[in-house]
Amino acid sequence: MKKIIAGSHLVKAALIGTMAVATLSVVGCATKPTYQSANQAGPKIITNAQGVPNYHRVQRGDTVSQIAARYRLNYRQIGAMNNLDSKYTIYSGQWLKLWQGNVATTASNNSYSAPVQTQPTYTPPVTQSQTPAYEATANSTSGYDYPTRNPVTRNIDPATGNMGMWFAGKVGDPVLASQSGTVLYSGNGLPEYGNLIMIRHSDNYITAYAHNSQLLVQEGDTVQRGQRIASMGSSGQTNEVGLEFQVRLNGNPIDPRSVLGR
């Protein structure tokens, strides 16, 4: 899986951010027009009480689902607020509005409080393309289980664009939640990943489950570790039946084995 989370994917994001959620895309940053030249001033950036800026400047490699996951927002509302197309196409240099007035685009539908005017400056977060975090330690991540007991066919390999683990299977095999959490994304809006589920966990972790034939949970659902959330398939851009499983930390792909144990 390339970029989800948040996707902003494995999004919305979660990924989708992950995959965001790598999707988690919702479609990756395109390379067309640059909205802002280096010597042009951008909009005035302020943050609200939760530390969320009112604008985010798109960097190369960003996706809507990843951006949403980074700030714990709802990617669909970001799309609507910025009049994005159905593929959530964004461009390097574009300023995305994250909230306006007293309304924040939260995934939980809870409004953030009014902007804090005393913080007029903002430094954009480092993007995935600048600091890929392909490995992480399992600090405070105990309890993550394999999403299936089927054989692993491929492990994460950033050099080939594979951002997760692949498991063999047949259509209808169960896909299980690796850890308890809240469903961040459940749908097929990311063509690369087909029927995709992203789950947000504590400590800024998101797991993503791609290419399913059937989705059994909806956005906003609370799921438990080991709960069946989907059935394996071959949806999206793949010709093989199986499961693509991603783990993302702060929107960046990490080796799932770092939380699963080898």
C-alpha atoms as a PDB file:
ATOM      1  CA  MET A   1       0.000   0.000   0.000  1.00  0.00           C
ATOM      2  CA  LYS A   2       1.452   3.357  -0.880  1.00  0.00           C
ATOM      3  CA  LYS A   3       0.023   6.333   0.976  1.00  0.00           C
ATOM      4  CA  ILE A   4      -3.228   6.146   2.810  1.00  0.00           C
ATOM      5  CA  ILE A   5      -5.179   7.626   6.365  1.00  0.00           C
ATOM      6  CA  ALA A   6      -6.733  10.166   7.232  1.00  0.00           C
ATOM      7  CA  GLY A   7      -6.867   9.062   5.009  1.00  0.00           C
ATOM      8  CA  SER A   8      -5.304  10.868   4.768  1.00  0.00           C
ATOM      9  CA  HIS A   9      -4.856   7.268   5.021  1.00  0.00           C
ATOM     10  CA  LEU A  10      -4.859   2.442   5.998  1.00  0.00           C
ATOM     11  CA  VAL A  11      -7.190   7.688   6.374  1.00  0.00           C
ATOM     12  CA  LYS A  12      -9.325  10.048   7.241  1.00  0.00           C
ATOM     13  CA  ALA A  13      -8.117   9.646   9.490  1.00  0.00           C
ATOM     14  CA  ALA A  14      -7.608   7.106  10.513  1.00  0.00           C
ATOM     15  CA  LEU A  15      -4.646   7.132   7.250  1.00  0.00           C
ATOM     16  CA  ILE A  16      -7.142   7.243   6.107  1.00  0.00           C
ATOM     17  CA  GLY A  17      -4.302   8.505   7.583  1.00  0.00           C
ATOM     18  CA  THR A  18      -3.464   7.016   7.160  1.00  0.00           C
ATOM     19  CA  MET A  19      -3.716   5.257   4.446  1.00  0.00           C
ATOM     20  CA  ALA A  20      -4.763   7.655   5.247  1.00  0.00           C
ATOM     21  CA  VAL A  21      -6.107   6.162   6.252  1.00  0.00           C
ATOM     22  CA  ALA A  22      -1.254   5.385   2.249  1.00  0.00           C
ATOM     23  CA  THR A  23      -3.329   6.421   1.058  1.00  0.00           C
ATOM     24  CA  LEU A  24      -6.165   5.568   5.173  1.00  0.00           C
ATOM     25  CA  SER A  25      -4.750   8.673   0.161  1.00  0.00           C
ATOM     26  CA  VAL A  26      -7.853  10.063   0.149  1.00  0.00           C
ATOM     27  CA  VAL A  27      -6.156  10.865  -2.981  1.00  0.00           C
ATOM     28  CA  GLY A  28      -2.495  11.819  -2.826  1.00  0.00           C
ATOM     29  CA  CYS A  29      -1.034  15.209  -3.433  1.00  0.00           C
ATOM     30  CA  ALA A  30      -0.928  15.902  -7.163  1.00  0.00           C
ATOM     31  CA  THR A  31       1.959  17.631  -8.873  1.00  0.00           C
ATOM     32  CA  LYS A  32      -0.017  20.198 -10.860  1.00  0.00           C
ATOM     33  CA  PRO A  33      -0.402  23.875 -10.009  1.00  0.00           C
ATOM     34  CA  THR A  34       1.530  25.314  -7.099  1.00  0.00           C
ATOM     35  CA  TYR A  35      -0.828  27.588  -5.236  1.00  0.00           C
ATOM     36  CA  GLN A  36       1.718  29.671  -3.395  1.00  0.00           C
ATOM     37  CA  SER A  37       5.159  30.811  -4.455  1.00  0.00           C
ATOM     38  CA  ALA A  38       7.956  31.029  -1.939  1.00  0.00           C
ATOM     39  CA  ASN A  39       7.794  34.812  -1.696  1.00  0.00           C
ATOM     40  CA  GLN A  40       4.023  35.052  -1.296  1.00  0.00           C
ATOM     41  CA  ALA A  41       2.480  35.408   2.115  1.00  0.00           C
ATOM     42  CA  GLY A  42      -0.073  32.780   3.035  1.00  0.00           C
ATOM     43  CA  PRO A  43      -3.222  33.246   5.094  1.00  0.00           C
ATOM     44  CA  LYS A  44      -2.971  34.319   8.707  1.00  0.00           C
ATOM     45  CA  ILE A  45      -2.607  31.122  10.724  1.00  0.00           C
ATOM     46  CA  ILE A  46      -4.257  30.829  14.111  1.00  0.00           C
ATOM     47  CA  THR A  47      -4.902  27.802  16.256  1.00  0.00           C
ATOM     48  CA  ASN A  48      -7.889  26.914  18.383  1.00  0.00           C
ATOM     49  CA  ALA A  49      -7.864  25.667  21.961  1.00  0.00           C
ATOM     50  CA  GLN A  50      -7.022  22.146  20.772  1.00  0.00           C
ATOM     51  CA  GLY A  51      -3.994  23.344  18.848  1.00  0.00           C
ATOM     52  CA  VAL A  52      -5.533  22.830  15.389  1.00  0.00           C
ATOM     53  CA  PRO A  53      -4.552  25.507  12.854  1.00  0.00           C
ATOM     54  CA  ASN A  54      -7.221  27.083  10.682  1.00  0.00           C
ATOM     55  CA  TYR A  55      -5.165  26.313   7.537  1.00  0.00           C
ATOM     56  CA  HIS A  56      -2.727  23.604   6.485  1.00  0.00           C
ATOM     57  CA  ARG A  57      -0.337  24.089   3.581  1.00  0.00           C
ATOM     58  CA  VAL A  58      -0.180  20.950   1.440  1.00  0.00           C
ATOM     59  CA  GLN A  59       3.262  19.409   1.098  1.00  0.00           C
ATOM     60  CA  ARG A  60       4.358  16.929  -1.553  1.00  0.00           C
ATOM     61  CA  GLY A  61       3.126  13.493  -0.510  1.00  0.00           C
ATOM     62  CA  ASP A  62       0.247  14.792   1.623  1.00  0.00           C
ATOM     63  CA  THR A  63      -3.218  13.274   1.263  1.00  0.00           C
ATOM     64  CA  VAL A  64      -6.500  14.559   2.652  1.00  0.00           C
ATOM     65  CA  SER A  65      -6.939  11.503   4.842  1.00  0.00           C
ATOM     66  CA  GLN A  66      -3.438  11.882   6.313  1.00  0.00           C
ATOM     67  CA  ILE A  67      -4.031  15.549   7.027  1.00  0.00           C
ATOM     68  CA  ALA A  68      -7.371  14.729   8.662  1.00  0.00           C
ATOM     69  CA  ALA A  69      -5.787  12.006  10.776  1.00  0.00           C
ATOM     70  CA  ARG A  70      -2.934  14.298  11.819  1.00  0.00           C
ATOM     71  CA  TYR A  71      -5.326  16.864  13.262  1.00  0.00           C
ATOM     72  CA  ARG A  72      -8.057  14.375  14.307  1.00  0.00           C
ATOM     73  CA  LEU A  73     -10.534  15.832  11.819  1.00  0.00           C
ATOM     74  CA  ASN A  74     -13.161  14.527   9.403  1.00  0.00           C
ATOM     75  CA  TYR A  75     -11.735  14.289   5.878  1.00  0.00           C
ATOM     76  CA  ARG A  76     -15.171  14.607   4.236  1.00  0.00           C
ATOM     77  CA  GLN A  77     -15.800  17.942   5.934  1.00  0.00           C
ATOM     78  CA  ILE A  78     -12.354  19.162   4.906  1.00  0.00           C
ATOM     79  CA  GLY A  79     -13.247  18.220   1.339  1.00  0.00           C
ATOM     80  CA  ALA A  80     -16.572  20.051   1.491  1.00  0.00           C
ATOM     81  CA  MET A  81     -15.097  23.169   3.097  1.00  0.00           C
ATOM     82  CA  ASN A  82     -12.442  23.416   0.379  1.00  0.00           C
ATOM     83  CA  ASN A  83     -14.712  22.418  -2.526  1.00  0.00           C
ATOM     84  CA  LEU A  84     -12.509  19.449  -3.417  1.00  0.00           C
ATOM     85  CA  ASP A  85     -13.539  17.103  -6.184  1.00  0.00           C
ATOM     86  CA  SER A  86     -14.852  13.575  -5.612  1.00  0.00           C
ATOM     87  CA  LYS A  87     -11.290  12.208  -5.657  1.00  0.00           C
ATOM     88  CA  TYR A  88     -10.133  14.703  -3.016  1.00  0.00           C
ATOM     89  CA  THR A  89      -7.398  15.982  -5.324  1.00  0.00           C
ATOM     90  CA  ILE A  90      -4.998  18.427  -3.688  1.00  0.00           C
ATOM     91  CA  TYR A  91      -1.856  20.170  -4.895  1.00  0.00           C
ATOM     92  CA  SER A  92       1.515  20.998  -3.413  1.00  0.00           C
ATOM     93  CA  GLY A  93       1.427  24.532  -2.022  1.00  0.00           C
ATOM     94  CA  GLN A  94      -2.349  24.636  -1.645  1.00  0.00           C
ATOM     95  CA  TRP A  95      -3.743  26.002   1.616  1.00  0.00           C
ATOM     96  CA  LEU A  96      -6.516  23.782   2.988  1.00  0.00           C
ATOM     97  CA  LYS A  97      -8.990  25.331   5.396  1.00  0.00           C
ATOM     98  CA  LEU A  98      -9.430  23.074   8.443  1.00  0.00           C
ATOM     99  CA  TRP A  99     -12.129  25.015  10.284  1.00  0.00           C
ATOM    100  CA  GLN A 100     -13.870  28.353  10.225  1.00  0.00           C
ATOM    101  CA  GLY A 101     -15.571  30.386  12.906  1.00  0.00           C
ATOM    102  CA  ASN A 102     -16.386  28.174  15.881  1.00  0.00           C
ATOM    103  CA  VAL A 103     -16.774  25.037  13.800  1.00  0.00           C
ATOM    104  CA  ALA A 104     -14.061  22.431  13.515  1.00  0.00           C
ATOM    105  CA  THR A 105     -14.211  19.462  11.172  1.00  0.00           C
ATOM    106  CA  THR A 106     -13.890  16.826  13.892  1.00  0.00           C
ATOM    107  CA  ALA A 107     -14.388  13.170  13.183  1.00  0.00           C
ATOM    108  CA  SER A 108     -16.526  12.815  16.310  1.00  0.00           C
ATOM    109  CA  ASN A 109     -18.838  15.708  15.345  1.00  0.00           C
ATOM    110  CA  ASN A 110     -17.880  17.567  18.513  1.00  0.00           C
ATOM    111  CA  SER A 111     -17.139  21.230  17.787  1.00  0.00           C
ATOM    112  CA  TYR A 112     -13.853  22.681  18.862  1.00  0.00           C
ATOM    113  CA  SER A 113     -13.940  25.894  20.843  1.00  0.00           C
ATOM    114  CA  ALA A 114     -13.341  29.290  19.291  1.00  0.00           C
ATOM    115  CA  PRO A 115      -9.911  30.109  17.847  1.00  0.00           C
ATOM    116  CA  VAL A 116      -7.230  31.336  20.199  1.00  0.00           C
ATOM    117  CA  GLN A 117      -6.121  34.659  18.743  1.00  0.00           C
ATOM    118  CA  THR A 118      -2.956  34.828  20.850  1.00  0.00           C
ATOM    119  CA  GLN A 119      -1.073  32.363  18.622  1.00  0.00           C
ATOM    120  CA  PRO A 120      -0.597  34.148  15.286  1.00  0.00           C
ATOM    121  CA  THR A 121       2.197  31.951  13.986  1.00  0.00           C
ATOM    122  CA  TYR A 122       2.287  28.308  13.066  1.00  0.00           C
ATOM    123  CA  THR A 123       4.996  25.976  11.798  1.00  0.00           C
ATOM    124  CA  PRO A 124       3.534  23.218   9.592  1.00  0.00           C
ATOM    125  CA  PRO A 125       4.194  19.692  10.863  1.00  0.00           C
ATOM    126  CA  VAL A 126       6.945  17.713   9.179  1.00  0.00           C
ATOM    127  CA  THR A 127       5.421  15.646   6.411  1.00  0.00           C
ATOM    128  CA  GLN A 128       5.804  11.959   5.774  1.00  0.00           C
ATOM    129  CA  SER A 129       7.939  12.550   2.715  1.00  0.00           C
ATOM    130  CA  GLN A 130      10.504  14.395   4.814  1.00  0.00           C
ATOM    131  CA  THR A 131      10.764  12.022   7.756  1.00  0.00           C
ATOM    132  CA  PRO A 132       9.389   8.580   6.954  1.00  0.00           C
ATOM    133  CA  ALA A 133       9.060   6.546  10.142  1.00  0.00           C
ATOM    134  CA  TYR A 134       9.279   3.029   8.834  1.00  0.00           C
ATOM    135  CA  GLU A 135      10.350   1.568  12.138  1.00  0.00           C
ATOM    136  CA  ALA A 136       9.110   2.183  15.648  1.00  0.00           C
ATOM    137  CA  THR A 137       9.443   0.595  19.009  1.00  0.00           C
ATOM    138  CA  ALA A 138       6.518  -1.028  20.728  1.00  0.00           C
ATOM    139  CA  ASN A 139       6.382   1.390  23.660  1.00  0.00           C
ATOM    140  CA  SER A 140       2.855   1.401  25.079  1.00  0.00           C
ATOM    141  CA  THR A 141       1.567  -0.588  22.106  1.00  0.00           C
ATOM    142  CA  SER A 142       1.207  -3.985  23.752  1.00  0.00           C
ATOM    143  CA  GLY A 143      -1.945  -5.844  22.891  1.00  0.00           C
ATOM    144  CA  TYR A 144      -1.938  -5.526  19.097  1.00  0.00           C
ATOM    145  CA  ASP A 145      -2.858  -8.816  17.443  1.00  0.00           C
ATOM    146  CA  TYR A 146      -2.419 -10.099  13.905  1.00  0.00           C
ATOM    147  CA  PRO A 147      -5.566  -9.262  11.897  1.00  0.00           C
ATOM    148  CA  THR A 148      -5.642 -12.818  10.553  1.00  0.00           C
ATOM    149  CA  ARG A 149      -3.866 -16.079  11.171  1.00  0.00           C
ATOM    150  CA  ASN A 150      -3.335 -16.579   7.446  1.00  0.00           C
ATOM    151  CA  PRO A 151       0.256 -16.689   6.130  1.00  0.00           C
ATOM    152  CA  VAL A 152       2.190 -13.465   5.553  1.00  0.00           C
ATOM    153  CA  THR A 153       3.181 -13.124   1.897  1.00  0.00           C
ATOM    154  CA  ARG A 154       5.019  -9.759   2.017  1.00  0.00           C
ATOM    155  CA  ASN A 155       6.341  -7.429   4.689  1.00  0.00           C
ATOM    156  CA  ILE A 156       6.773  -3.673   4.571  1.00  0.00           C
ATOM    157  CA  ASP A 157       9.304  -2.569   1.962  1.00  0.00           C
ATOM    158  CA  PRO A 158       9.402   1.210   1.349  1.00  0.00           C
ATOM    159  CA  ALA A 159      11.843   0.739  -1.532  1.00  0.00           C
ATOM    160  CA  THR A 160       9.107  -0.977  -3.554  1.00  0.00           C
ATOM    161  CA  GLY A 161       6.263   1.194  -2.252  1.00  0.00           C
ATOM    162  CA  ASN A 162       4.840  -1.553  -0.048  1.00  0.00           C
ATOM    163  CA  MET A 163       3.814   0.218   3.164  1.00  0.00           C
ATOM    164  CA  GLY A 164       2.289  -2.692   5.050  1.00  0.00           C
ATOM    165  CA  MET A 165       2.012  -6.442   5.494  1.00  0.00           C
ATOM    166  CA  TRP A 166       0.163  -8.657   3.031  1.00  0.00           C
ATOM    167  CA  PHE A 167      -1.642 -11.800   4.130  1.00  0.00           C
ATOM    168  CA  ALA A 168      -2.802 -14.620   1.865  1.00  0.00           C
ATOM    169  CA  GLY A 169      -6.426 -15.693   1.943  1.00  0.00           C
ATOM    170  CA  LYS A 170      -9.557 -16.583   0.090  1.00  0.00           C
ATOM    171  CA  VAL A 171     -12.705 -14.556  -0.443  1.00  0.00           C
ATOM    172  CA  GLY A 172     -14.708 -14.384   2.754  1.00  0.00           C
ATOM    173  CA  ASP A 173     -11.893 -15.123   5.203  1.00  0.00           C
ATOM    174  CA  PRO A 174     -12.384 -13.059   8.387  1.00  0.00           C
ATOM    175  CA  VAL A 175     -10.477  -9.842   9.010  1.00  0.00           C
ATOM    176  CA  LEU A 176     -10.100  -8.992  12.697  1.00  0.00           C
ATOM    177  CA  ALA A 177      -9.408  -5.708  14.486  1.00  0.00           C
ATOM    178  CA  SER A 178      -5.791  -5.719  15.616  1.00  0.00           C
ATOM    179  CA  GLN A 179      -6.593  -3.590  18.654  1.00  0.00           C
ATOM    180  CA  SER A 180      -9.611  -1.909  20.208  1.00  0.00           C
ATOM    181  CA  GLY A 181     -10.464   1.522  18.878  1.00  0.00           C
ATOM    182  CA  THR A 182     -12.867   3.679  16.888  1.00  0.00           C
ATOM    183  CA  VAL A 183     -13.576   3.189  13.190  1.00  0.00           C
ATOM    184  CA  LEU A 184     -12.181   6.251  11.445  1.00  0.00           C
ATOM    185  CA  TYR A 185     -13.061   5.219   7.894  1.00  0.00           C
ATOM    186  CA  SER A 186     -15.153   2.488   6.308  1.00  0.00           C
ATOM    187  CA  GLY A 187     -15.783   2.697   2.590  1.00  0.00           C
ATOM    188  CA  ASN A 188     -14.433   2.397  -0.933  1.00  0.00           C
ATOM    189  CA  GLY A 189     -13.573   6.008  -1.726  1.00  0.00           C
ATOM    190  CA  LEU A 190      -9.888   5.203  -2.235  1.00  0.00           C
ATOM    191  CA  PRO A 191      -9.605   3.264  -5.515  1.00  0.00           C
ATOM    192  CA  GLU A 192      -6.143   1.946  -4.721  1.00  0.00           C
ATOM    193  CA  TYR A 193      -7.313   0.160  -1.584  1.00  0.00           C
ATOM    194  CA  GLY A 194     -10.803  -0.909  -2.537  1.00  0.00           C
ATOM    195  CA  ASN A 195     -13.033  -1.631   0.449  1.00  0.00           C
ATOM    196  CA  LEU A 196     -11.007  -0.142   3.280  1.00  0.00           C
ATOM    197  CA  ILE A 197     -11.333   0.146   7.054  1.00  0.00           C
ATOM    198  CA  MET A 198      -9.205   2.414   9.236  1.00  0.00           C
ATOM    199  CA  ILE A 199      -9.287   2.241  13.032  1.00  0.00           C
ATOM    200  CA  ARG A 200      -7.910   4.891  15.380  1.00  0.00           C
ATOM    201  CA  HIS A 201      -6.249   3.680  18.558  1.00  0.00           C
ATOM    202  CA  SER A 202      -4.609   5.441  21.485  1.00  0.00           C
ATOM    203  CA  ASP A 203      -1.186   7.077  21.270  1.00  0.00           C
ATOM    204  CA  ASN A 204      -1.809   8.341  17.705  1.00  0.00           C
ATOM    205  CA  TYR A 205      -1.778   4.879  16.138  1.00  0.00           C
ATOM    206  CA  ILE A 206      -4.026   3.954  13.217  1.00  0.00           C
ATOM    207  CA  THR A 207      -4.447   0.514  11.655  1.00  0.00           C
ATOM    208  CA  ALA A 208      -5.763   0.022   8.118  1.00  0.00           C
ATOM    209  CA  TYR A 209      -7.257  -3.053   6.440  1.00  0.00           C
ATOM    210  CA  ALA A 210      -7.540  -2.972   2.636  1.00  0.00           C
ATOM    211  CA  HIS A 211      -8.958  -4.879  -0.370  1.00  0.00           C
ATOM    212  CA  ASN A 212     -11.874  -6.426   1.523  1.00  0.00           C
ATOM    213  CA  SER A 213     -14.914  -7.965  -0.134  1.00  0.00           C
ATOM    214  CA  GLN A 214     -17.294  -6.921   2.659  1.00  0.00           C
ATOM    215  CA  LEU A 215     -17.146  -4.273   5.381  1.00  0.00           C
ATOM    216  CA  LEU A 216     -18.909  -5.153   8.644  1.00  0.00           C
ATOM    217  CA  VAL A 217     -18.436  -1.937  10.655  1.00  0.00           C
ATOM    218  CA  GLN A 218     -19.244   1.709  10.043  1.00  0.00           C
ATOM    219  CA  GLU A 219     -17.470   4.971  10.745  1.00  0.00           C
ATOM    220  CA  GLY A 220     -17.801   5.927  14.391  1.00  0.00           C
ATOM    221  CA  ASP A 221     -18.273   2.342  15.615  1.00  0.00           C
ATOM    222  CA  THR A 222     -16.273   1.224  18.622  1.00  0.00           C
ATOM    223  CA  VAL A 223     -14.599  -2.117  17.995  1.00  0.00           C
ATOM    224  CA  GLN A 224     -12.806  -4.544  20.267  1.00  0.00           C
ATOM    225  CA  ARG A 225      -9.540  -6.336  19.667  1.00  0.00           C
ATOM    226  CA  GLY A 226     -10.196  -9.556  17.781  1.00  0.00           C
ATOM    227  CA  GLN A 227     -13.647  -8.452  16.565  1.00  0.00           C
ATOM    228  CA  ARG A 228     -14.451  -9.385  12.989  1.00  0.00           C
ATOM    229  CA  ILE A 229     -14.657  -6.173  10.982  1.00  0.00           C
ATOM    230  CA  ALA A 230     -14.513  -7.337   7.354  1.00  0.00           C
ATOM    231  CA  SER A 231     -14.196 -10.232   4.928  1.00  0.00           C
ATOM    232  CA  MET A 232     -11.164 -10.661   2.685  1.00  0.00           C
ATOM    233  CA  GLY A 233     -11.395  -9.972  -1.003  1.00  0.00           C
ATOM    234  CA  SER A 234      -9.504  -8.503  -3.940  1.00  0.00           C
ATOM    235  CA  SER A 235     -11.085  -5.054  -4.264  1.00  0.00           C
ATOM    236  CA  GLY A 236      -9.025  -2.064  -5.327  1.00  0.00           C
ATOM    237  CA  GLN A 237      -5.860  -2.186  -7.389  1.00  0.00           C
ATOM    238  CA  THR A 238      -4.837  -5.790  -6.821  1.00  0.00           C
ATOM    239  CA  ASN A 239      -5.386  -9.071  -8.606  1.00  0.00           C
ATOM    240  CA  GLU A 240      -4.829 -11.264  -5.564  1.00  0.00           C
ATOM    241  CA  VAL A 241      -7.216 -12.159  -2.774  1.00  0.00           C
ATOM    242  CA  GLY A 242      -5.828 -11.267   0.604  1.00  0.00           C
ATOM    243  CA  LEU A 243      -5.430  -8.538   3.194  1.00  0.00           C
ATOM    244  CA  GLU A 244      -3.141  -5.528   3.134  1.00  0.00           C
ATOM    245  CA  PHE A 245      -2.534  -4.359   6.706  1.00  0.00           C
ATOM    246  CA  GLN A 246      -0.921  -1.046   7.603  1.00  0.00           C
ATOM    247  CA  VAL A 247       0.038   0.559  10.891  1.00  0.00           C
ATOM    248  CA  ARG A 248       0.589   4.302  11.041  1.00  0.00           C
ATOM    249  CA  LEU A 249       2.000   6.426  13.832  1.00  0.00           C
ATOM    250  CA  ASN A 250       1.245  10.154  13.612  1.00  0.00           C
ATOM    251  CA  GLY A 251       0.301   9.577   9.975  1.00  0.00           C
ATOM    252  CA  ASN A 252       3.557   7.848   9.034  1.00  0.00           C
ATOM    253  CA  PRO A 253       3.799   4.168   8.043  1.00  0.00           C
ATOM    254  CA  ILE A 254       5.714   1.932  10.439  1.00  0.00           C
ATOM    255  CA  ASP A 255       6.591  -1.728  10.295  1.00  0.00           C
ATOM    256  CA  PRO A 256       3.537  -3.553  11.699  1.00  0.00           C
ATOM    257  CA  ARG A 257       5.857  -6.097  13.286  1.00  0.00           C
ATOM    258  CA  SER A 258       7.031  -3.400  15.687  1.00  0.00           C
ATOM    259  CA  VAL A 259       3.660  -3.538  17.433  1.00  0.00           C
ATOM    260  CA  LEU A 260       2.649  -7.103  16.606  1.00  0.00           C
ATOM    261  CA  GLY A 261       5.863  -8.811  17.601  1.00  0.00           C
ATOM    262  CA  ARG A 262       7.691 -10.916  15.051  1.00  0.00           C
END
